[in-house]
Amino acid sequence: NLRQTSGPVLEKPKDLAALLAGYVIFTVNFGLIARLYGMSIRISATGAVTSNLMRGLLLASLLKFGGLIGALYLLLVFWQLSGLYLALGALISLVILTSFLIASYLRSFAVSSSK
C-alpha cells in the first residue's frame, strides 16, 4: 500500500500545525534574543550597570528559555506534534530571517560605501 508522490506531502493534519508552530517559535525566540542583546548593549554603553538591571536581564532571559521549553513541551508531548516538522518550520524561519539580515547589511554597506 505504498502510494507514489511527486513531492513532499504533509501526511497528517497536525503536520502543517507543527510546521507553523516551529516557524513561529523560532521567530519569536530570535526576536526576544535580539531584544535582550540590544538591552544589554544599551545598558553597558551607558555605563549605568546596576545589580537591578543585571537581575532584570537575567530574569528576562530565564523567562524566555522557560517559555521556549514550555512551548516545546506542549507541542511535542501534550499535543504530540511532529518534531521533524517543528524543526523544518524553525529552519524555514532561520532562512527567512537570515535573508532579511543579509539584505539589511548589504543595504547599509552600499550606503556607507557610496559616501
N, C-alpha and C. Protein backbone atom coordinates (compact mmCIF):
# COMPACT_ATOMS: atom_id res chain seq x y z
N ASN A 1 0.81 -1.19 0.00
CA ASN A 1 0.00 0.00 0.00
C ASN A 1 0.86 1.26 0.00
N LEU A 2 1.91 1.28 -0.75
CA LEU A 2 2.73 2.48 -0.89
C LEU A 2 2.14 3.33 -2.00
N ARG A 3 2.02 4.60 -1.74
CA ARG A 3 1.49 5.48 -2.77
C ARG A 3 2.62 6.30 -3.36
N GLN A 4 2.52 6.55 -4.63
CA GLN A 4 3.54 7.30 -5.35
C GLN A 4 3.22 8.79 -5.25
N THR A 5 4.20 9.59 -4.86
CA THR A 5 4.00 11.04 -4.80
C THR A 5 5.12 11.71 -5.57
N SER A 6 4.84 12.92 -6.01
CA SER A 6 5.84 13.65 -6.77
C SER A 6 6.61 14.65 -5.91
N GLY A 7 6.28 14.77 -4.65
CA GLY A 7 6.96 15.72 -3.79
C GLY A 7 6.61 15.49 -2.35
N PRO A 8 7.09 16.37 -1.47
CA PRO A 8 6.79 16.19 -0.04
C PRO A 8 5.30 16.37 0.24
N VAL A 9 4.82 15.55 1.12
CA VAL A 9 3.40 15.55 1.44
C VAL A 9 3.24 15.65 2.96
N LEU A 10 2.35 16.52 3.38
CA LEU A 10 2.01 16.57 4.80
C LEU A 10 0.98 15.46 5.04
N GLU A 11 1.42 14.41 5.73
CA GLU A 11 0.59 13.22 5.84
C GLU A 11 -0.50 13.31 6.89
N LYS A 12 -0.28 14.07 7.92
CA LYS A 12 -1.26 14.18 8.99
C LYS A 12 -1.73 15.63 9.07
N PRO A 13 -2.94 15.85 9.55
CA PRO A 13 -3.41 17.23 9.69
C PRO A 13 -2.55 18.05 10.65
N LYS A 14 -1.93 17.39 11.62
CA LYS A 14 -1.11 18.10 12.59
C LYS A 14 0.25 18.53 12.02
N ASP A 15 0.63 18.00 10.86
CA ASP A 15 1.94 18.33 10.30
C ASP A 15 2.04 19.80 9.92
N LEU A 16 0.99 20.35 9.34
CA LEU A 16 1.00 21.77 8.99
C LEU A 16 1.05 22.62 10.25
N ALA A 17 0.32 22.21 11.27
CA ALA A 17 0.35 22.94 12.55
C ALA A 17 1.75 22.90 13.15
N ALA A 18 2.43 21.77 13.06
CA ALA A 18 3.79 21.65 13.58
C ALA A 18 4.74 22.54 12.79
N LEU A 19 4.57 22.58 11.48
CA LEU A 19 5.42 23.42 10.63
C LEU A 19 5.27 24.89 10.99
N LEU A 20 4.03 25.33 11.14
CA LEU A 20 3.77 26.72 11.51
C LEU A 20 4.23 27.03 12.93
N ALA A 21 4.03 26.09 13.84
CA ALA A 21 4.46 26.30 15.23
C ALA A 21 5.98 26.42 15.31
N GLY A 22 6.70 25.59 14.58
CA GLY A 22 8.16 25.68 14.56
C GLY A 22 8.62 27.02 14.03
N TYR A 23 7.95 27.49 12.98
CA TYR A 23 8.29 28.80 12.40
C TYR A 23 8.05 29.91 13.41
N VAL A 24 6.89 29.89 14.05
CA VAL A 24 6.53 30.96 14.99
C VAL A 24 7.44 30.93 16.22
N ILE A 25 7.70 29.75 16.77
CA ILE A 25 8.54 29.65 17.96
C ILE A 25 9.94 30.17 17.67
N PHE A 26 10.52 29.78 16.53
CA PHE A 26 11.87 30.23 16.22
C PHE A 26 11.90 31.74 15.99
N THR A 27 10.90 32.26 15.29
CA THR A 27 10.86 33.69 15.00
C THR A 27 10.72 34.50 16.29
N VAL A 28 9.84 34.08 17.18
CA VAL A 28 9.66 34.79 18.45
C VAL A 28 10.92 34.69 19.30
N ASN A 29 11.53 33.51 19.35
CA ASN A 29 12.75 33.32 20.12
C ASN A 29 13.88 34.20 19.57
N PHE A 30 14.00 34.27 18.25
CA PHE A 30 15.00 35.12 17.62
C PHE A 30 14.77 36.59 17.98
N GLY A 31 13.53 37.02 17.92
CA GLY A 31 13.21 38.41 18.27
C GLY A 31 13.51 38.73 19.72
N LEU A 32 13.20 37.80 20.62
CA LEU A 32 13.48 38.03 22.04
C LEU A 32 14.98 38.06 22.32
N ILE A 33 15.74 37.19 21.67
CA ILE A 33 17.19 37.21 21.84
C ILE A 33 17.76 38.53 21.34
N ALA A 34 17.28 39.00 20.19
CA ALA A 34 17.76 40.28 19.65
C ALA A 34 17.42 41.43 20.60
N ARG A 35 16.24 41.39 21.17
CA ARG A 35 15.84 42.46 22.10
C ARG A 35 16.68 42.42 23.38
N LEU A 36 16.90 41.23 23.93
CA LEU A 36 17.73 41.12 25.14
C LEU A 36 19.17 41.55 24.86
N TYR A 37 19.69 41.19 23.70
CA TYR A 37 21.05 41.61 23.33
C TYR A 37 21.11 43.13 23.19
N GLY A 38 20.12 43.71 22.55
CA GLY A 38 20.08 45.17 22.41
C GLY A 38 20.01 45.88 23.75
N MET A 39 19.22 45.31 24.66
CA MET A 39 19.12 45.91 26.00
C MET A 39 20.46 45.84 26.73
N SER A 40 21.15 44.71 26.62
CA SER A 40 22.43 44.58 27.31
C SER A 40 23.47 45.52 26.71
N ILE A 41 23.43 45.74 25.40
CA ILE A 41 24.36 46.67 24.76
C ILE A 41 24.07 48.10 25.24
N ARG A 42 22.78 48.48 25.28
CA ARG A 42 22.43 49.82 25.74
C ARG A 42 22.82 50.04 27.20
N ILE A 43 22.63 49.03 28.02
CA ILE A 43 22.98 49.15 29.43
C ILE A 43 24.49 49.32 29.59
N SER A 44 25.26 48.51 28.88
CA SER A 44 26.71 48.62 29.02
C SER A 44 27.25 49.90 28.37
N ALA A 45 26.58 50.41 27.33
CA ALA A 45 27.04 51.63 26.66
C ALA A 45 26.82 52.86 27.55
N THR A 46 25.77 52.84 28.33
CA THR A 46 25.50 53.99 29.20
C THR A 46 26.39 53.97 30.43
N GLY A 47 26.93 52.82 30.77
CA GLY A 47 27.78 52.71 31.95
C GLY A 47 26.99 52.66 33.24
N ALA A 48 25.67 52.60 33.13
CA ALA A 48 24.81 52.58 34.32
C ALA A 48 24.42 51.14 34.65
N VAL A 49 25.43 50.30 34.81
CA VAL A 49 25.18 48.89 35.11
C VAL A 49 24.96 48.76 36.61
N THR A 50 23.75 48.41 36.95
CA THR A 50 23.43 48.19 38.37
C THR A 50 23.03 46.74 38.55
N SER A 51 23.02 46.31 39.77
CA SER A 51 22.65 44.93 40.04
C SER A 51 21.19 44.67 39.70
N ASN A 52 20.34 45.68 39.85
CA ASN A 52 18.92 45.51 39.50
C ASN A 52 18.75 45.30 37.99
N LEU A 53 19.50 46.06 37.19
CA LEU A 53 19.41 45.90 35.74
C LEU A 53 19.92 44.53 35.31
N MET A 54 21.00 44.08 35.91
CA MET A 54 21.55 42.77 35.56
C MET A 54 20.60 41.66 36.00
N ARG A 55 19.99 41.82 37.16
CA ARG A 55 19.00 40.82 37.61
C ARG A 55 17.79 40.81 36.67
N GLY A 56 17.39 42.00 36.20
CA GLY A 56 16.27 42.08 35.27
C GLY A 56 16.57 41.38 33.96
N LEU A 57 17.78 41.57 33.44
CA LEU A 57 18.17 40.87 32.21
C LEU A 57 18.24 39.37 32.43
N LEU A 58 18.77 38.95 33.56
CA LEU A 58 18.84 37.53 33.86
C LEU A 58 17.44 36.93 33.97
N LEU A 59 16.54 37.64 34.66
CA LEU A 59 15.17 37.16 34.80
C LEU A 59 14.46 37.09 33.44
N ALA A 60 14.67 38.10 32.61
CA ALA A 60 14.06 38.08 31.27
C ALA A 60 14.60 36.92 30.44
N SER A 61 15.89 36.64 30.55
CA SER A 61 16.48 35.51 29.83
C SER A 61 15.92 34.19 30.32
N LEU A 62 15.81 34.05 31.63
CA LEU A 62 15.25 32.82 32.19
C LEU A 62 13.79 32.63 31.78
N LEU A 63 13.02 33.72 31.76
CA LEU A 63 11.63 33.63 31.32
C LEU A 63 11.53 33.23 29.85
N LYS A 64 12.44 33.76 29.03
CA LYS A 64 12.45 33.41 27.62
C LYS A 64 12.73 31.92 27.44
N PHE A 65 13.75 31.42 28.12
CA PHE A 65 14.08 30.00 27.99
C PHE A 65 12.99 29.12 28.59
N GLY A 66 12.41 29.55 29.71
CA GLY A 66 11.32 28.79 30.30
C GLY A 66 10.11 28.74 29.38
N GLY A 67 9.80 29.86 28.74
CA GLY A 67 8.69 29.87 27.78
C GLY A 67 8.96 28.99 26.58
N LEU A 68 10.20 29.01 26.09
CA LEU A 68 10.56 28.15 24.96
C LEU A 68 10.44 26.68 25.32
N ILE A 69 10.97 26.31 26.48
CA ILE A 69 10.90 24.91 26.91
C ILE A 69 9.45 24.50 27.14
N GLY A 70 8.66 25.38 27.75
CA GLY A 70 7.25 25.08 27.97
C GLY A 70 6.47 24.92 26.68
N ALA A 71 6.73 25.80 25.72
CA ALA A 71 6.05 25.71 24.43
C ALA A 71 6.42 24.42 23.70
N LEU A 72 7.70 24.08 23.72
CA LEU A 72 8.13 22.83 23.07
C LEU A 72 7.54 21.61 23.77
N TYR A 73 7.46 21.65 25.09
CA TYR A 73 6.85 20.55 25.82
C TYR A 73 5.39 20.38 25.41
N LEU A 74 4.66 21.49 25.38
CA LEU A 74 3.25 21.40 24.99
C LEU A 74 3.09 20.86 23.58
N LEU A 75 3.91 21.37 22.67
CA LEU A 75 3.78 20.95 21.28
C LEU A 75 4.17 19.50 21.06
N LEU A 76 5.26 19.07 21.67
CA LEU A 76 5.77 17.71 21.42
C LEU A 76 5.11 16.65 22.28
N VAL A 77 4.85 16.96 23.54
CA VAL A 77 4.34 15.94 24.46
C VAL A 77 2.82 15.99 24.58
N PHE A 78 2.30 17.18 24.85
CA PHE A 78 0.87 17.29 25.10
C PHE A 78 0.05 17.14 23.81
N TRP A 79 0.42 17.93 22.76
CA TRP A 79 -0.33 17.86 21.50
C TRP A 79 0.27 16.86 20.52
N GLN A 80 1.41 16.29 20.84
CA GLN A 80 2.07 15.25 20.06
C GLN A 80 2.25 15.65 18.59
N LEU A 81 2.80 16.85 18.38
CA LEU A 81 3.12 17.28 17.02
C LEU A 81 4.46 16.69 16.61
N SER A 82 4.68 16.62 15.32
CA SER A 82 5.89 16.02 14.77
C SER A 82 7.10 16.92 15.02
N GLY A 83 8.12 16.34 15.64
CA GLY A 83 9.36 17.08 15.87
C GLY A 83 10.07 17.43 14.57
N LEU A 84 9.93 16.57 13.57
CA LEU A 84 10.55 16.84 12.27
C LEU A 84 9.97 18.09 11.64
N TYR A 85 8.65 18.23 11.69
CA TYR A 85 8.03 19.41 11.09
C TYR A 85 8.25 20.67 11.93
N LEU A 86 8.38 20.51 13.25
CA LEU A 86 8.75 21.65 14.09
C LEU A 86 10.14 22.16 13.69
N ALA A 87 11.07 21.22 13.51
CA ALA A 87 12.43 21.60 13.12
C ALA A 87 12.45 22.20 11.72
N LEU A 88 11.65 21.66 10.83
CA LEU A 88 11.59 22.20 9.46
C LEU A 88 11.03 23.62 9.47
N GLY A 89 10.02 23.87 10.28
CA GLY A 89 9.47 25.22 10.40
C GLY A 89 10.50 26.19 10.96
N ALA A 90 11.28 25.74 11.94
CA ALA A 90 12.34 26.58 12.50
C ALA A 90 13.42 26.85 11.45
N LEU A 91 13.73 25.86 10.64
CA LEU A 91 14.73 26.05 9.58
C LEU A 91 14.25 27.05 8.54
N ILE A 92 12.99 26.99 8.19
CA ILE A 92 12.42 27.96 7.24
C ILE A 92 12.51 29.37 7.82
N SER A 93 12.19 29.50 9.10
CA SER A 93 12.29 30.80 9.76
C SER A 93 13.73 31.29 9.77
N LEU A 94 14.67 30.40 10.05
CA LEU A 94 16.08 30.76 10.05
C LEU A 94 16.52 31.29 8.69
N VAL A 95 16.12 30.63 7.63
CA VAL A 95 16.50 31.06 6.28
C VAL A 95 15.90 32.43 5.97
N ILE A 96 14.64 32.63 6.31
CA ILE A 96 13.99 33.92 6.03
C ILE A 96 14.62 35.04 6.84
N LEU A 97 14.80 34.82 8.15
CA LEU A 97 15.39 35.87 9.00
C LEU A 97 16.82 36.18 8.59
N THR A 98 17.59 35.16 8.25
CA THR A 98 18.96 35.38 7.80
C THR A 98 18.98 36.16 6.49
N SER A 99 18.06 35.86 5.60
CA SER A 99 17.98 36.60 4.33
C SER A 99 17.69 38.07 4.58
N PHE A 100 16.78 38.37 5.50
CA PHE A 100 16.49 39.77 5.83
C PHE A 100 17.71 40.46 6.43
N LEU A 101 18.42 39.77 7.33
CA LEU A 101 19.61 40.36 7.94
C LEU A 101 20.70 40.62 6.91
N ILE A 102 20.91 39.68 6.00
CA ILE A 102 21.92 39.86 4.96
C ILE A 102 21.54 41.02 4.05
N ALA A 103 20.27 41.09 3.66
CA ALA A 103 19.82 42.19 2.80
C ALA A 103 20.00 43.53 3.51
N SER A 104 19.68 43.59 4.78
CA SER A 104 19.84 44.82 5.55
C SER A 104 21.31 45.22 5.64
N TYR A 105 22.17 44.25 5.90
CA TYR A 105 23.60 44.52 5.99
C TYR A 105 24.13 45.03 4.65
N LEU A 106 23.73 44.39 3.57
CA LEU A 106 24.21 44.81 2.24
C LEU A 106 23.71 46.20 1.88
N ARG A 107 22.48 46.53 2.26
CA ARG A 107 21.98 47.89 2.01
C ARG A 107 22.78 48.91 2.79
N SER A 108 23.03 48.65 4.07
CA SER A 108 23.81 49.61 4.87
C SER A 108 25.24 49.69 4.37
N PHE A 109 25.80 48.59 3.89
CA PHE A 109 27.15 48.58 3.35
C PHE A 109 27.20 49.41 2.06
N ALA A 110 26.18 49.27 1.22
CA ALA A 110 26.13 50.03 -0.03
C ALA A 110 26.00 51.51 0.24
N VAL A 111 25.19 51.90 1.23
CA VAL A 111 25.02 53.31 1.56
C VAL A 111 26.32 53.89 2.12
N SER A 112 26.98 53.14 3.01
CA SER A 112 28.21 53.65 3.63
C SER A 112 29.36 53.71 2.64
N SER A 113 29.39 52.81 1.66
CA SER A 113 30.48 52.83 0.69
C SER A 113 30.27 53.90 -0.38
N SER A 114 29.04 54.36 -0.56
CA SER A 114 28.78 55.38 -1.56
C SER A 114 29.09 56.79 -1.05
N LYS A 115 29.31 56.92 0.26
CA LYS A 115 29.58 58.25 0.85
C LYS A 115 31.01 58.61 0.73
